[in-house]
Amino acid sequence: MNKKFDKHIRLVVKHYENLISGPVNNLKDRSKFKNIPGIYILIENDSPVYVGRTRNLRNRLQAHISASHNSASFAVKRMRANLSLVPTYKLEMSREFITKTEPYRGHFLEEIEKIREM
């Protein structure tokens, strides 16, 4: 096996073990994470649905539950999947359009609430 690849694999195992042995927090606890980097997992019904890495944990977690189409990309992705909407570069089905126009906005806000409870 390639020595460099082998080194990375060993690091992945080490970091994974550290990650799963760490504390489990709710998004409501995000104020504790001001200005610290981290890896986070969003869990829904005991299953991981999103893994992210960030330089500022509190700000990124806050962004996931903001009503901004620019910040809450995971909520937009979930909404599109649930409604079978295909991403497009056309203005009438852009992220901005579907997060600000009914009936899509209601679905977007529902996804934000689901993420907030993770």
PDB file of N, CA and C in Angstrom:
ATOM      1  N   MET A   1       0.848  -1.184   0.000  1.00  0.00           N
ATOM      2  CA  MET A   1       0.000   0.000   0.000  1.00  0.00           C
ATOM      3  C   MET A   1       0.889   1.241   0.000  1.00  0.00           C
ATOM      4  N   ASN A   2       0.441   2.280  -0.627  1.00  0.00           N
ATOM      5  CA  ASN A   2       1.131   3.563  -0.653  1.00  0.00           C
ATOM      6  C   ASN A   2       1.275   4.094   0.774  1.00  0.00           C
ATOM      7  N   LYS A   3       2.507   4.445   1.174  1.00  0.00           N
ATOM      8  CA  LYS A   3       2.757   4.878   2.556  1.00  0.00           C
ATOM      9  C   LYS A   3       1.968   6.137   2.917  1.00  0.00           C
ATOM     10  N   LYS A   4       1.878   7.066   1.989  1.00  0.00           N
ATOM     11  CA  LYS A   4       1.136   8.309   2.263  1.00  0.00           C
ATOM     12  C   LYS A   4      -0.357   8.007   2.464  1.00  0.00           C
ATOM     13  N   PHE A   5      -0.899   7.151   1.621  1.00  0.00           N
ATOM     14  CA  PHE A   5      -2.303   6.767   1.741  1.00  0.00           C
ATOM     15  C   PHE A   5      -2.542   6.039   3.062  1.00  0.00           C
ATOM     16  N   ASP A   6      -1.629   5.122   3.413  1.00  0.00           N
ATOM     17  CA  ASP A   6      -1.734   4.375   4.658  1.00  0.00           C
ATOM     18  C   ASP A   6      -1.750   5.326   5.860  1.00  0.00           C
ATOM     19  N   LYS A   7      -0.909   6.346   5.821  1.00  0.00           N
ATOM     20  CA  LYS A   7      -0.864   7.343   6.903  1.00  0.00           C
ATOM     21  C   LYS A   7      -2.219   8.051   7.033  1.00  0.00           C
ATOM     22  N   HIS A   8      -2.798   8.425   5.906  1.00  0.00           N
ATOM     23  CA  HIS A   8      -4.098   9.106   5.935  1.00  0.00           C
ATOM     24  C   HIS A   8      -5.194   8.197   6.480  1.00  0.00           C
ATOM     25  N   ILE A   9      -5.156   6.932   6.111  1.00  0.00           N
ATOM     26  CA  ILE A   9      -6.154   5.987   6.602  1.00  0.00           C
ATOM     27  C   ILE A   9      -6.052   5.863   8.120  1.00  0.00           C
ATOM     28  N   ARG A  10      -4.841   5.768   8.646  1.00  0.00           N
ATOM     29  CA  ARG A  10      -4.668   5.673  10.089  1.00  0.00           C
ATOM     30  C   ARG A  10      -5.179   6.930  10.787  1.00  0.00           C
ATOM     31  N   LEU A  11      -4.967   8.094  10.172  1.00  0.00           N
ATOM     32  CA  LEU A  11      -5.463   9.341  10.750  1.00  0.00           C
ATOM     33  C   LEU A  11      -6.989   9.394  10.743  1.00  0.00           C
ATOM     34  N   VAL A  12      -7.596   8.893   9.687  1.00  0.00           N
ATOM     35  CA  VAL A  12      -9.057   8.870   9.606  1.00  0.00           C
ATOM     36  C   VAL A  12      -9.617   8.037  10.757  1.00  0.00           C
ATOM     37  N   VAL A  13      -9.040   6.872  10.985  1.00  0.00           N
ATOM     38  CA  VAL A  13      -9.509   6.009  12.065  1.00  0.00           C
ATOM     39  C   VAL A  13      -9.356   6.721  13.411  1.00  0.00           C
ATOM     40  N   LYS A  14      -8.204   7.350  13.634  1.00  0.00           N
ATOM     41  CA  LYS A  14      -7.963   8.067  14.888  1.00  0.00           C
ATOM     42  C   LYS A  14      -8.975   9.188  15.081  1.00  0.00           C
ATOM     43  N   HIS A  15      -9.177   9.983  14.041  1.00  0.00           N
ATOM     44  CA  HIS A  15     -10.108  11.112  14.153  1.00  0.00           C
ATOM     45  C   HIS A  15     -11.548  10.634  14.314  1.00  0.00           C
ATOM     46  N   TYR A  16     -11.897   9.551  13.658  1.00  0.00           N
ATOM     47  CA  TYR A  16     -13.236   9.006  13.800  1.00  0.00           C
ATOM     48  C   TYR A  16     -13.475   8.557  15.239  1.00  0.00           C
ATOM     49  N   GLU A  17     -12.499   7.881  15.808  1.00  0.00           N
ATOM     50  CA  GLU A  17     -12.634   7.433  17.196  1.00  0.00           C
ATOM     51  C   GLU A  17     -12.787   8.624  18.140  1.00  0.00           C
ATOM     52  N   ASN A  18     -12.022   9.684  17.904  1.00  0.00           N
ATOM     53  CA  ASN A  18     -12.154  10.901  18.716  1.00  0.00           C
ATOM     54  C   ASN A  18     -13.534  11.528  18.536  1.00  0.00           C
ATOM     55  N   LEU A  19     -14.010  11.536  17.306  1.00  0.00           N
ATOM     56  CA  LEU A  19     -15.304  12.149  17.011  1.00  0.00           C
ATOM     57  C   LEU A  19     -16.442  11.412  17.704  1.00  0.00           C
ATOM     58  N   ILE A  20     -16.467  10.094  17.602  1.00  0.00           N
ATOM     59  CA  ILE A  20     -17.597   9.357  18.189  1.00  0.00           C
ATOM     60  C   ILE A  20     -17.517   9.269  19.705  1.00  0.00           C
ATOM     61  N   SER A  21     -16.333   9.507  20.275  1.00  0.00           N
ATOM     62  CA  SER A  21     -16.234   9.484  21.737  1.00  0.00           C
ATOM     63  C   SER A  21     -16.471  10.869  22.342  1.00  0.00           C
ATOM     64  N   GLY A  22     -16.653  11.866  21.481  1.00  0.00           N
ATOM     65  CA  GLY A  22     -16.877  13.224  21.963  1.00  0.00           C
ATOM     66  C   GLY A  22     -18.291  13.437  22.457  1.00  0.00           C
ATOM     67  N   PRO A  23     -18.545  14.617  23.010  1.00  0.00           N
ATOM     68  CA  PRO A  23     -19.873  14.914  23.545  1.00  0.00           C
ATOM     69  C   PRO A  23     -20.915  15.075  22.438  1.00  0.00           C
ATOM     70  N   VAL A  24     -22.148  14.754  22.768  1.00  0.00           N
ATOM     71  CA  VAL A  24     -23.268  14.958  21.854  1.00  0.00           C
ATOM     72  C   VAL A  24     -24.014  16.188  22.346  1.00  0.00           C
ATOM     73  N   ASN A  25     -24.176  17.149  21.470  1.00  0.00           N
ATOM     74  CA  ASN A  25     -24.854  18.389  21.822  1.00  0.00           C
ATOM     75  C   ASN A  25     -25.998  18.628  20.860  1.00  0.00           C
ATOM     76  N   ASN A  26     -26.945  19.383  21.295  1.00  0.00           N
ATOM     77  CA  ASN A  26     -28.065  19.795  20.485  1.00  0.00           C
ATOM     78  C   ASN A  26     -27.710  21.127  19.828  1.00  0.00           C
ATOM     79  N   LEU A  27     -28.317  21.439  18.705  1.00  0.00           N
ATOM     80  CA  LEU A  27     -28.077  22.743  18.078  1.00  0.00           C
ATOM     81  C   LEU A  27     -28.391  23.895  19.024  1.00  0.00           C
ATOM     82  N   LYS A  28     -29.238  23.654  19.992  1.00  0.00           N
ATOM     83  CA  LYS A  28     -29.564  24.693  20.973  1.00  0.00           C
ATOM     84  C   LYS A  28     -28.356  25.060  21.819  1.00  0.00           C
ATOM     85  N   ASP A  29     -27.353  24.177  21.869  1.00  0.00           N
ATOM     86  CA  ASP A  29     -26.144  24.416  22.658  1.00  0.00           C
ATOM     87  C   ASP A  29     -25.069  25.181  21.880  1.00  0.00           C
ATOM     88  N   ARG A  30     -25.388  25.677  20.704  1.00  0.00           N
ATOM     89  CA  ARG A  30     -24.374  26.259  19.827  1.00  0.00           C
ATOM     90  C   ARG A  30     -23.657  27.474  20.405  1.00  0.00           C
ATOM     91  N   SER A  31     -24.237  28.160  21.375  1.00  0.00           N
ATOM     92  CA  SER A  31     -23.585  29.342  21.958  1.00  0.00           C
ATOM     93  C   SER A  31     -22.280  28.975  22.659  1.00  0.00           C
ATOM     94  N   LYS A  32     -22.102  27.708  23.035  1.00  0.00           N
ATOM     95  CA  LYS A  32     -20.879  27.256  23.702  1.00  0.00           C
ATOM     96  C   LYS A  32     -19.681  27.213  22.754  1.00  0.00           C
ATOM     97  N   PHE A  33     -19.928  27.244  21.461  1.00  0.00           N
ATOM     98  CA  PHE A  33     -18.879  26.970  20.481  1.00  0.00           C
ATOM     99  C   PHE A  33     -18.369  28.213  19.762  1.00  0.00           C
ATOM    100  N   LYS A  34     -18.317  29.323  20.432  1.00  0.00           N
ATOM    101  CA  LYS A  34     -17.905  30.578  19.810  1.00  0.00           C
ATOM    102  C   LYS A  34     -16.433  30.530  19.389  1.00  0.00           C
ATOM    103  N   ASN A  35     -16.203  30.837  18.130  1.00  0.00           N
ATOM    104  CA  ASN A  35     -14.860  30.975  17.561  1.00  0.00           C
ATOM    105  C   ASN A  35     -13.979  29.739  17.699  1.00  0.00           C
ATOM    106  N   ILE A  36     -14.566  28.556  17.649  1.00  0.00           N
ATOM    107  CA  ILE A  36     -13.735  27.355  17.666  1.00  0.00           C
ATOM    108  C   ILE A  36     -14.023  26.525  16.414  1.00  0.00           C
ATOM    109  N   PRO A  37     -12.996  25.895  15.860  1.00  0.00           N
ATOM    110  CA  PRO A  37     -13.209  25.023  14.701  1.00  0.00           C
ATOM    111  C   PRO A  37     -13.781  23.691  15.155  1.00  0.00           C
ATOM    112  N   GLY A  38     -14.337  22.950  14.230  1.00  0.00           N
ATOM    113  CA  GLY A  38     -14.846  21.647  14.619  1.00  0.00           C
ATOM    114  C   GLY A  38     -15.443  20.871  13.462  1.00  0.00           C
ATOM    115  N   ILE A  39     -15.687  19.614  13.743  1.00  0.00           N
ATOM    116  CA  ILE A  39     -16.409  18.725  12.843  1.00  0.00           C
ATOM    117  C   ILE A  39     -17.737  18.440  13.538  1.00  0.00           C
ATOM    118  N   TYR A  40     -18.812  18.479  12.792  1.00  0.00           N
ATOM    119  CA  TYR A  40     -20.119  18.261  13.398  1.00  0.00           C
ATOM    120  C   TYR A  40     -20.924  17.296  12.550  1.00  0.00           C
ATOM    121  N   ILE A  41     -21.834  16.615  13.201  1.00  0.00           N
ATOM    122  CA  ILE A  41     -22.724  15.670  12.530  1.00  0.00           C
ATOM    123  C   ILE A  41     -24.151  16.044  12.905  1.00  0.00           C
ATOM    124  N   LEU A  42     -24.990  16.218  11.911  1.00  0.00           N
ATOM    125  CA  LEU A  42     -26.413  16.426  12.170  1.00  0.00           C
ATOM    126  C   LEU A  42     -27.077  15.055  12.129  1.00  0.00           C
ATOM    127  N   ILE A  43     -27.798  14.739  13.198  1.00  0.00           N
ATOM    128  CA  ILE A  43     -28.401  13.415  13.349  1.00  0.00           C
ATOM    129  C   ILE A  43     -29.918  13.561  13.404  1.00  0.00           C
ATOM    130  N   GLU A  44     -30.585  12.747  12.598  1.00  0.00           N
ATOM    131  CA  GLU A  44     -32.051  12.742  12.561  1.00  0.00           C
ATOM    132  C   GLU A  44     -32.521  11.313  12.734  1.00  0.00           C
ATOM    133  N   ASN A  45     -33.387  11.077  13.702  1.00  0.00           N
ATOM    134  CA  ASN A  45     -33.894   9.723  13.990  1.00  0.00           C
ATOM    135  C   ASN A  45     -32.749   8.733  14.186  1.00  0.00           C
ATOM    136  N   ASP A  46     -31.763   9.134  14.956  1.00  0.00           N
ATOM    137  CA  ASP A  46     -30.606   8.302  15.292  1.00  0.00           C
ATOM    138  C   ASP A  46     -29.715   7.952  14.104  1.00  0.00           C
ATOM    139  N   SER A  47     -29.862   8.649  12.988  1.00  0.00           N
ATOM    140  CA  SER A  47     -29.009   8.411  11.823  1.00  0.00           C
ATOM    141  C   SER A  47     -28.322   9.707  11.416  1.00  0.00           C
ATOM    142  N   PRO A  48     -27.034   9.644  11.102  1.00  0.00           N
ATOM    143  CA  PRO A  48     -26.355  10.852  10.626  1.00  0.00           C
ATOM    144  C   PRO A  48     -26.867  11.222   9.235  1.00  0.00           C
ATOM    145  N   VAL A  49     -27.204  12.496   9.059  1.00  0.00           N
ATOM    146  CA  VAL A  49     -27.710  12.956   7.761  1.00  0.00           C
ATOM    147  C   VAL A  49     -26.804  14.011   7.125  1.00  0.00           C
ATOM    148  N   TYR A  50     -25.873  14.546   7.899  1.00  0.00           N
ATOM    149  CA  TYR A  50     -24.977  15.579   7.364  1.00  0.00           C
ATOM    150  C   TYR A  50     -23.735  15.646   8.240  1.00  0.00           C
ATOM    151  N   VAL A  51     -22.587  15.716   7.605  1.00  0.00           N
ATOM    152  CA  VAL A  51     -21.323  15.897   8.318  1.00  0.00           C
ATOM    153  C   VAL A  51     -20.665  17.136   7.734  1.00  0.00           C
ATOM    154  N   GLY A  52     -20.201  18.004   8.612  1.00  0.00           N
ATOM    155  CA  GLY A  52     -19.547  19.220   8.150  1.00  0.00           C
ATOM    156  C   GLY A  52     -18.301  19.522   8.956  1.00  0.00           C
ATOM    157  N   ARG A  53     -17.471  20.356   8.382  1.00  0.00           N
ATOM    158  CA  ARG A  53     -16.257  20.815   9.047  1.00  0.00           C
ATOM    159  C   ARG A  53     -16.220  22.330   8.875  1.00  0.00           C
ATOM    160  N   THR A  54     -15.818  23.025   9.922  1.00  0.00           N
ATOM    161  CA  THR A  54     -15.842  24.479   9.869  1.00  0.00           C
ATOM    162  C   THR A  54     -14.759  25.087  10.752  1.00  0.00           C
ATOM    163  N   ARG A  55     -14.437  26.323  10.470  1.00  0.00           N
ATOM    164  CA  ARG A  55     -13.479  27.064  11.295  1.00  0.00           C
ATOM    165  C   ARG A  55     -14.170  27.756  12.463  1.00  0.00           C
ATOM    166  N   ASN A  56     -15.484  27.981  12.334  1.00  0.00           N
ATOM    167  CA  ASN A  56     -16.236  28.646  13.391  1.00  0.00           C
ATOM    168  C   ASN A  56     -17.537  27.878  13.601  1.00  0.00           C
ATOM    169  N   LEU A  57     -17.503  26.974  14.563  1.00  0.00           N
ATOM    170  CA  LEU A  57     -18.606  26.044  14.783  1.00  0.00           C
ATOM    171  C   LEU A  57     -19.926  26.755  15.079  1.00  0.00           C
ATOM    172  N   ARG A  58     -19.898  27.716  15.972  1.00  0.00           N
ATOM    173  CA  ARG A  58     -21.148  28.390  16.337  1.00  0.00           C
ATOM    174  C   ARG A  58     -21.771  29.084  15.123  1.00  0.00           C
ATOM    175  N   ASN A  59     -20.963  29.810  14.361  1.00  0.00           N
ATOM    176  CA  ASN A  59     -21.515  30.525  13.205  1.00  0.00           C
ATOM    177  C   ASN A  59     -22.067  29.575  12.152  1.00  0.00           C
ATOM    178  N   ARG A  60     -21.379  28.451  11.916  1.00  0.00           N
ATOM    179  CA  ARG A  60     -21.852  27.516  10.900  1.00  0.00           C
ATOM    180  C   ARG A  60     -23.142  26.843  11.333  1.00  0.00           C
ATOM    181  N   LEU A  61     -23.216  26.467  12.602  1.00  0.00           N
ATOM    182  CA  LEU A  61     -24.458  25.857  13.087  1.00  0.00           C
ATOM    183  C   LEU A  61     -25.613  26.848  13.010  1.00  0.00           C
ATOM    184  N   GLN A  62     -25.332  28.102  13.327  1.00  0.00           N
ATOM    185  CA  GLN A  62     -26.354  29.147  13.217  1.00  0.00           C
ATOM    186  C   GLN A  62     -26.800  29.306  11.762  1.00  0.00           C
ATOM    187  N   ALA A  63     -25.843  29.231  10.847  1.00  0.00           N
ATOM    188  CA  ALA A  63     -26.171  29.388   9.427  1.00  0.00           C
ATOM    189  C   ALA A  63     -27.099  28.274   8.938  1.00  0.00           C
ATOM    190  N   HIS A  64     -26.917  27.068   9.447  1.00  0.00           N
ATOM    191  CA  HIS A  64     -27.777  25.959   9.025  1.00  0.00           C
ATOM    192  C   HIS A  64     -29.242  26.207   9.349  1.00  0.00           C
ATOM    193  N   ILE A  65     -29.510  27.012  10.360  1.00  0.00           N
ATOM    194  CA  ILE A  65     -30.902  27.238  10.755  1.00  0.00           C
ATOM    195  C   ILE A  65     -31.361  28.669  10.495  1.00  0.00           C
ATOM    196  N   SER A  66     -30.596  29.390   9.691  1.00  0.00           N
ATOM    197  CA  SER A  66     -31.036  30.734   9.310  1.00  0.00           C
ATOM    198  C   SER A  66     -31.986  30.605   8.118  1.00  0.00           C
ATOM    199  N   ALA A  67     -32.783  31.611   7.902  1.00  0.00           N
ATOM    200  CA  ALA A  67     -33.738  31.569   6.789  1.00  0.00           C
ATOM    201  C   ALA A  67     -33.137  32.133   5.506  1.00  0.00           C
ATOM    202  N   SER A  68     -31.817  32.163   5.426  1.00  0.00           N
ATOM    203  CA  SER A  68     -31.125  32.677   4.245  1.00  0.00           C
ATOM    204  C   SER A  68     -30.804  31.537   3.280  1.00  0.00           C
ATOM    205  N   HIS A  69     -31.152  31.719   2.028  1.00  0.00           N
ATOM    206  CA  HIS A  69     -30.855  30.700   1.028  1.00  0.00           C
ATOM    207  C   HIS A  69     -29.355  30.534   0.816  1.00  0.00           C
ATOM    208  N   ASN A  70     -28.572  31.562   1.147  1.00  0.00           N
ATOM    209  CA  ASN A  70     -27.121  31.481   0.990  1.00  0.00           C
ATOM    210  C   ASN A  70     -26.482  30.633   2.086  1.00  0.00           C
ATOM    211  N   SER A  71     -26.998  30.702   3.284  1.00  0.00           N
ATOM    212  CA  SER A  71     -26.394  30.012   4.423  1.00  0.00           C
ATOM    213  C   SER A  71     -26.961  28.626   4.673  1.00  0.00           C
ATOM    214  N   ALA A  72     -28.227  28.457   4.464  1.00  0.00           N
ATOM    215  CA  ALA A  72     -28.904  27.206   4.819  1.00  0.00           C
ATOM    216  C   ALA A  72     -28.986  26.261   3.621  1.00  0.00           C
ATOM    217  N   SER A  73     -27.843  25.982   3.025  1.00  0.00           N
ATOM    218  CA  SER A  73     -27.828  25.158   1.812  1.00  0.00           C
ATOM    219  C   SER A  73     -28.317  23.731   2.065  1.00  0.00           C
ATOM    220  N   PHE A  74     -28.073  23.197   3.271  1.00  0.00           N
ATOM    221  CA  PHE A  74     -28.550  21.844   3.572  1.00  0.00           C
ATOM    222  C   PHE A  74     -30.076  21.813   3.600  1.00  0.00           C
ATOM    223  N   ALA A  75     -30.689  22.834   4.155  1.00  0.00           N
ATOM    224  CA  ALA A  75     -32.154  22.910   4.175  1.00  0.00           C
ATOM    225  C   ALA A  75     -32.704  23.012   2.755  1.00  0.00           C
ATOM    226  N   VAL A  76     -32.025  23.778   1.909  1.00  0.00           N
ATOM    227  CA  VAL A  76     -32.451  23.893   0.507  1.00  0.00           C
ATOM    228  C   VAL A  76     -32.332  22.537  -0.176  1.00  0.00           C
ATOM    229  N   LYS A  77     -31.236  21.838   0.067  1.00  0.00           N
ATOM    230  CA  LYS A  77     -31.025  20.520  -0.548  1.00  0.00           C
ATOM    231  C   LYS A  77     -32.103  19.536  -0.108  1.00  0.00           C
ATOM    232  N   ARG A  78     -32.439  19.533   1.176  1.00  0.00           N
ATOM    233  CA  ARG A  78     -33.487  18.645   1.686  1.00  0.00           C
ATOM    234  C   ARG A  78     -34.837  18.985   1.069  1.00  0.00           C
ATOM    235  N   MET A  79     -35.138  20.278   0.977  1.00  0.00           N
ATOM    236  CA  MET A  79     -36.403  20.705   0.400  1.00  0.00           C
ATOM    237  C   MET A  79     -36.494  20.263  -1.061  1.00  0.00           C
ATOM    238  N   ARG A  80     -35.420  20.495  -1.820  1.00  0.00           N
ATOM    239  CA  ARG A  80     -35.430  20.087  -3.226  1.00  0.00           C
ATOM    240  C   ARG A  80     -35.653  18.585  -3.361  1.00  0.00           C
ATOM    241  N   ALA A  81     -34.988  17.803  -2.508  1.00  0.00           N
ATOM    242  CA  ALA A  81     -35.146  16.343  -2.578  1.00  0.00           C
ATOM    243  C   ALA A  81     -36.586  15.938  -2.259  1.00  0.00           C
ATOM    244  N   ASN A  82     -37.163  16.525  -1.228  1.00  0.00           N
ATOM    245  CA  ASN A  82     -38.534  16.188  -0.830  1.00  0.00           C
ATOM    246  C   ASN A  82     -39.563  16.565  -1.883  1.00  0.00           C
ATOM    247  N   LEU A  83     -39.305  17.649  -2.606  1.00  0.00           N
ATOM    248  CA  LEU A  83     -40.258  18.128  -3.609  1.00  0.00           C
ATOM    249  C   LEU A  83     -39.876  17.732  -5.036  1.00  0.00           C
ATOM    250  N   SER A  84     -38.807  16.940  -5.165  1.00  0.00           N
ATOM    251  CA  SER A  84     -38.297  16.512  -6.479  1.00  0.00           C
ATOM    252  C   SER A  84     -37.996  17.705  -7.382  1.00  0.00           C
ATOM    253  N   LEU A  85     -37.395  18.732  -6.807  1.00  0.00           N
ATOM    254  CA  LEU A  85     -37.000  19.910  -7.577  1.00  0.00           C
ATOM    255  C   LEU A  85     -35.549  19.749  -8.028  1.00  0.00           C
ATOM    256  N   VAL A  86     -35.317  19.979  -9.296  1.00  0.00           N
ATOM    257  CA  VAL A  86     -33.978  19.834  -9.851  1.00  0.00           C
ATOM    258  C   VAL A  86     -33.261  21.184  -9.776  1.00  0.00           C
ATOM    259  N   PRO A  87     -32.030  21.207  -9.255  1.00  0.00           N
ATOM    260  CA  PRO A  87     -31.274  22.474  -9.230  1.00  0.00           C
ATOM    261  C   PRO A  87     -31.104  23.019 -10.644  1.00  0.00           C
ATOM    262  N   THR A  88     -31.189  24.323 -10.758  1.00  0.00           N
ATOM    263  CA  THR A  88     -31.070  24.954 -12.065  1.00  0.00           C
ATOM    264  C   THR A  88     -30.390  26.307 -11.935  1.00  0.00           C
ATOM    265  N   TYR A  89     -29.851  26.784 -13.020  1.00  0.00           N
ATOM    266  CA  TYR A  89     -29.269  28.126 -13.046  1.00  0.00           C
ATOM    267  C   TYR A  89     -30.267  29.160 -13.541  1.00  0.00           C
ATOM    268  N   LYS A  90     -31.494  28.739 -13.760  1.00  0.00           N
ATOM    269  CA  LYS A  90     -32.530  29.659 -14.216  1.00  0.00           C
ATOM    270  C   LYS A  90     -33.103  30.407 -13.022  1.00  0.00           C
ATOM    271  N   LEU A  91     -33.371  31.669 -13.186  1.00  0.00           N
ATOM    272  CA  LEU A  91     -33.851  32.518 -12.111  1.00  0.00           C
ATOM    273  C   LEU A  91     -35.129  31.990 -11.472  1.00  0.00           C
ATOM    274  N   GLU A  92     -36.060  31.460 -12.275  1.00  0.00           N
ATOM    275  CA  GLU A  92     -37.358  31.052 -11.725  1.00  0.00           C
ATOM    276  C   GLU A  92     -37.278  29.824 -10.813  1.00  0.00           C
ATOM    277  N   MET A  93     -36.187  29.084 -10.807  1.00  0.00           N
ATOM    278  CA  MET A  93     -36.050  27.964  -9.878  1.00  0.00           C
ATOM    279  C   MET A  93     -34.719  28.030  -9.119  1.00  0.00           C
ATOM    280  N   SER A  94     -34.168  29.210  -9.011  1.00  0.00           N
ATOM    281  CA  SER A  94     -32.919  29.399  -8.279  1.00  0.00           C
ATOM    282  C   SER A  94     -33.151  29.190  -6.788  1.00  0.00           C
ATOM    283  N   ARG A  95     -32.056  29.057  -6.045  1.00  0.00           N
ATOM    284  CA  ARG A  95     -32.190  28.913  -4.586  1.00  0.00           C
ATOM    285  C   ARG A  95     -32.927  30.099  -3.992  1.00  0.00           C
ATOM    286  N   GLU A  96     -32.574  31.289  -4.447  1.00  0.00           N
ATOM    287  CA  GLU A  96     -33.226  32.489  -3.910  1.00  0.00           C
ATOM    288  C   GLU A  96     -34.722  32.461  -4.200  1.00  0.00           C
ATOM    289  N   PHE A  97     -35.095  32.121  -5.410  1.00  0.00           N
ATOM    290  CA  PHE A  97     -36.506  32.095  -5.799  1.00  0.00           C
ATOM    291  C   PHE A  97     -37.294  31.092  -4.959  1.00  0.00           C
ATOM    292  N   ILE A  98     -36.788  29.855  -4.869  1.00  0.00           N
ATOM    293  CA  ILE A  98     -37.583  28.826  -4.189  1.00  0.00           C
ATOM    294  C   ILE A  98     -37.617  29.004  -2.674  1.00  0.00           C
ATOM    295  N   THR A  99     -36.697  29.772  -2.110  1.00  0.00           N
ATOM    296  CA  THR A  99     -36.732  29.994  -0.658  1.00  0.00           C
ATOM    297  C   THR A  99     -37.504  31.253  -0.284  1.00  0.00           C
ATOM    298  N   LYS A 100     -37.901  32.030  -1.280  1.00  0.00           N
ATOM    299  CA  LYS A 100     -38.649  33.263  -0.999  1.00  0.00           C
ATOM    300  C   LYS A 100     -40.059  33.250  -1.568  1.00  0.00           C
ATOM    301  N   THR A 101     -40.394  32.231  -2.352  1.00  0.00           N
ATOM    302  CA  THR A 101     -41.675  32.187  -3.053  1.00  0.00           C
ATOM    303  C   THR A 101     -42.514  31.024  -2.536  1.00  0.00           C
ATOM    304  N   GLU A 102     -43.790  31.311  -2.246  1.00  0.00           N
ATOM    305  CA  GLU A 102     -44.707  30.239  -1.839  1.00  0.00           C
ATOM    306  C   GLU A 102     -45.073  29.410  -3.063  1.00  0.00           C
ATOM    307  N   PRO A 103     -45.308  28.139  -2.914  1.00  0.00           N
ATOM    308  CA  PRO A 103     -45.375  27.373  -1.673  1.00  0.00           C
ATOM    309  C   PRO A 103     -44.019  26.866  -1.186  1.00  0.00           C
ATOM    310  N   TYR A 104     -42.977  27.129  -1.944  1.00  0.00           N
ATOM    311  CA  TYR A 104     -41.660  26.588  -1.598  1.00  0.00           C
ATOM    312  C   TYR A 104     -41.130  27.135  -0.275  1.00  0.00           C
ATOM    313  N   ARG A 105     -41.357  28.414  -0.002  1.00  0.00           N
ATOM    314  CA  ARG A 105     -40.820  29.010   1.227  1.00  0.00           C
ATOM    315  C   ARG A 105     -41.303  28.263   2.476  1.00  0.00           C
ATOM    316  N   GLY A 106     -42.558  27.882   2.486  1.00  0.00           N
ATOM    317  CA  GLY A 106     -43.082  27.126   3.632  1.00  0.00           C
ATOM    318  C   GLY A 106     -42.340  25.813   3.826  1.00  0.00           C
ATOM    319  N   HIS A 107     -42.037  25.124   2.737  1.00  0.00           N
ATOM    320  CA  HIS A 107     -41.282  23.869   2.820  1.00  0.00           C
ATOM    321  C   HIS A 107     -39.858  24.124   3.304  1.00  0.00           C
ATOM    322  N   PHE A 108     -39.268  25.209   2.828  1.00  0.00           N
ATOM    323  CA  PHE A 108     -37.917  25.584   3.254  1.00  0.00           C
ATOM    324  C   PHE A 108     -37.885  25.839   4.764  1.00  0.00           C
ATOM    325  N   LEU A 109     -38.848  26.593   5.260  1.00  0.00           N
ATOM    326  CA  LEU A 109     -38.903  26.892   6.692  1.00  0.00           C
ATOM    327  C   LEU A 109     -39.167  25.635   7.524  1.00  0.00           C
ATOM    328  N   GLU A 110     -39.933  24.689   6.994  1.00  0.00           N
ATOM    329  CA  GLU A 110     -40.148  23.415   7.677  1.00  0.00           C
ATOM    330  C   GLU A 110     -38.830  22.649   7.811  1.00  0.00           C
ATOM    331  N   GLU A 111     -38.023  22.671   6.762  1.00  0.00           N
ATOM    332  CA  GLU A 111     -36.723  21.994   6.821  1.00  0.00           C
ATOM    333  C   GLU A 111     -35.806  22.668   7.838  1.00  0.00           C
ATOM    334  N   ILE A 112     -35.861  23.986   7.905  1.00  0.00           N
ATOM    335  CA  ILE A 112     -35.064  24.718   8.896  1.00  0.00           C
ATOM    336  C   ILE A 112     -35.455  24.244  10.304  1.00  0.00           C
ATOM    337  N   GLU A 113     -36.747  24.109  10.548  1.00  0.00           N
ATOM    338  CA  GLU A 113     -37.215  23.665  11.870  1.00  0.00           C
ATOM    339  C   GLU A 113     -36.764  22.234  12.171  1.00  0.00           C
ATOM    340  N   LYS A 114     -36.788  21.360  11.182  1.00  0.00           N
ATOM    341  CA  LYS A 114     -36.327  19.985  11.373  1.00  0.00           C
ATOM    342  C   LYS A 114     -34.838  19.978  11.736  1.00  0.00           C
ATOM    343  N   ILE A 115     -34.062  20.783  11.040  1.00  0.00           N
ATOM    344  CA  ILE A 115     -32.618  20.862  11.305  1.00  0.00           C
ATOM    345  C   ILE A 115     -32.393  21.435  12.697  1.00  0.00           C
ATOM    346  N   ARG A 116     -33.184  22.426  13.082  1.00  0.00           N
ATOM    347  CA  ARG A 116     -33.058  23.045  14.405  1.00  0.00           C
ATOM    348  C   ARG A 116     -33.205  21.999  15.530  1.00  0.00           C
ATOM    349  N   GLU A 117     -34.014  20.977  15.295  1.00  0.00           N
ATOM    350  CA  GLU A 117     -34.256  19.940  16.304  1.00  0.00           C
ATOM    351  C   GLU A 117     -33.201  18.826  16.310  1.00  0.00           C
ATOM    352  N   MET A 118     -32.297  18.845  15.366  1.00  0.00           N
ATOM    353  CA  MET A 118     -31.264  17.787  15.289  1.00  0.00           C
ATOM    354  C   MET A 118     -30.238  17.974  16.384  1.00  0.00           C
TER     355      MET A 118
END
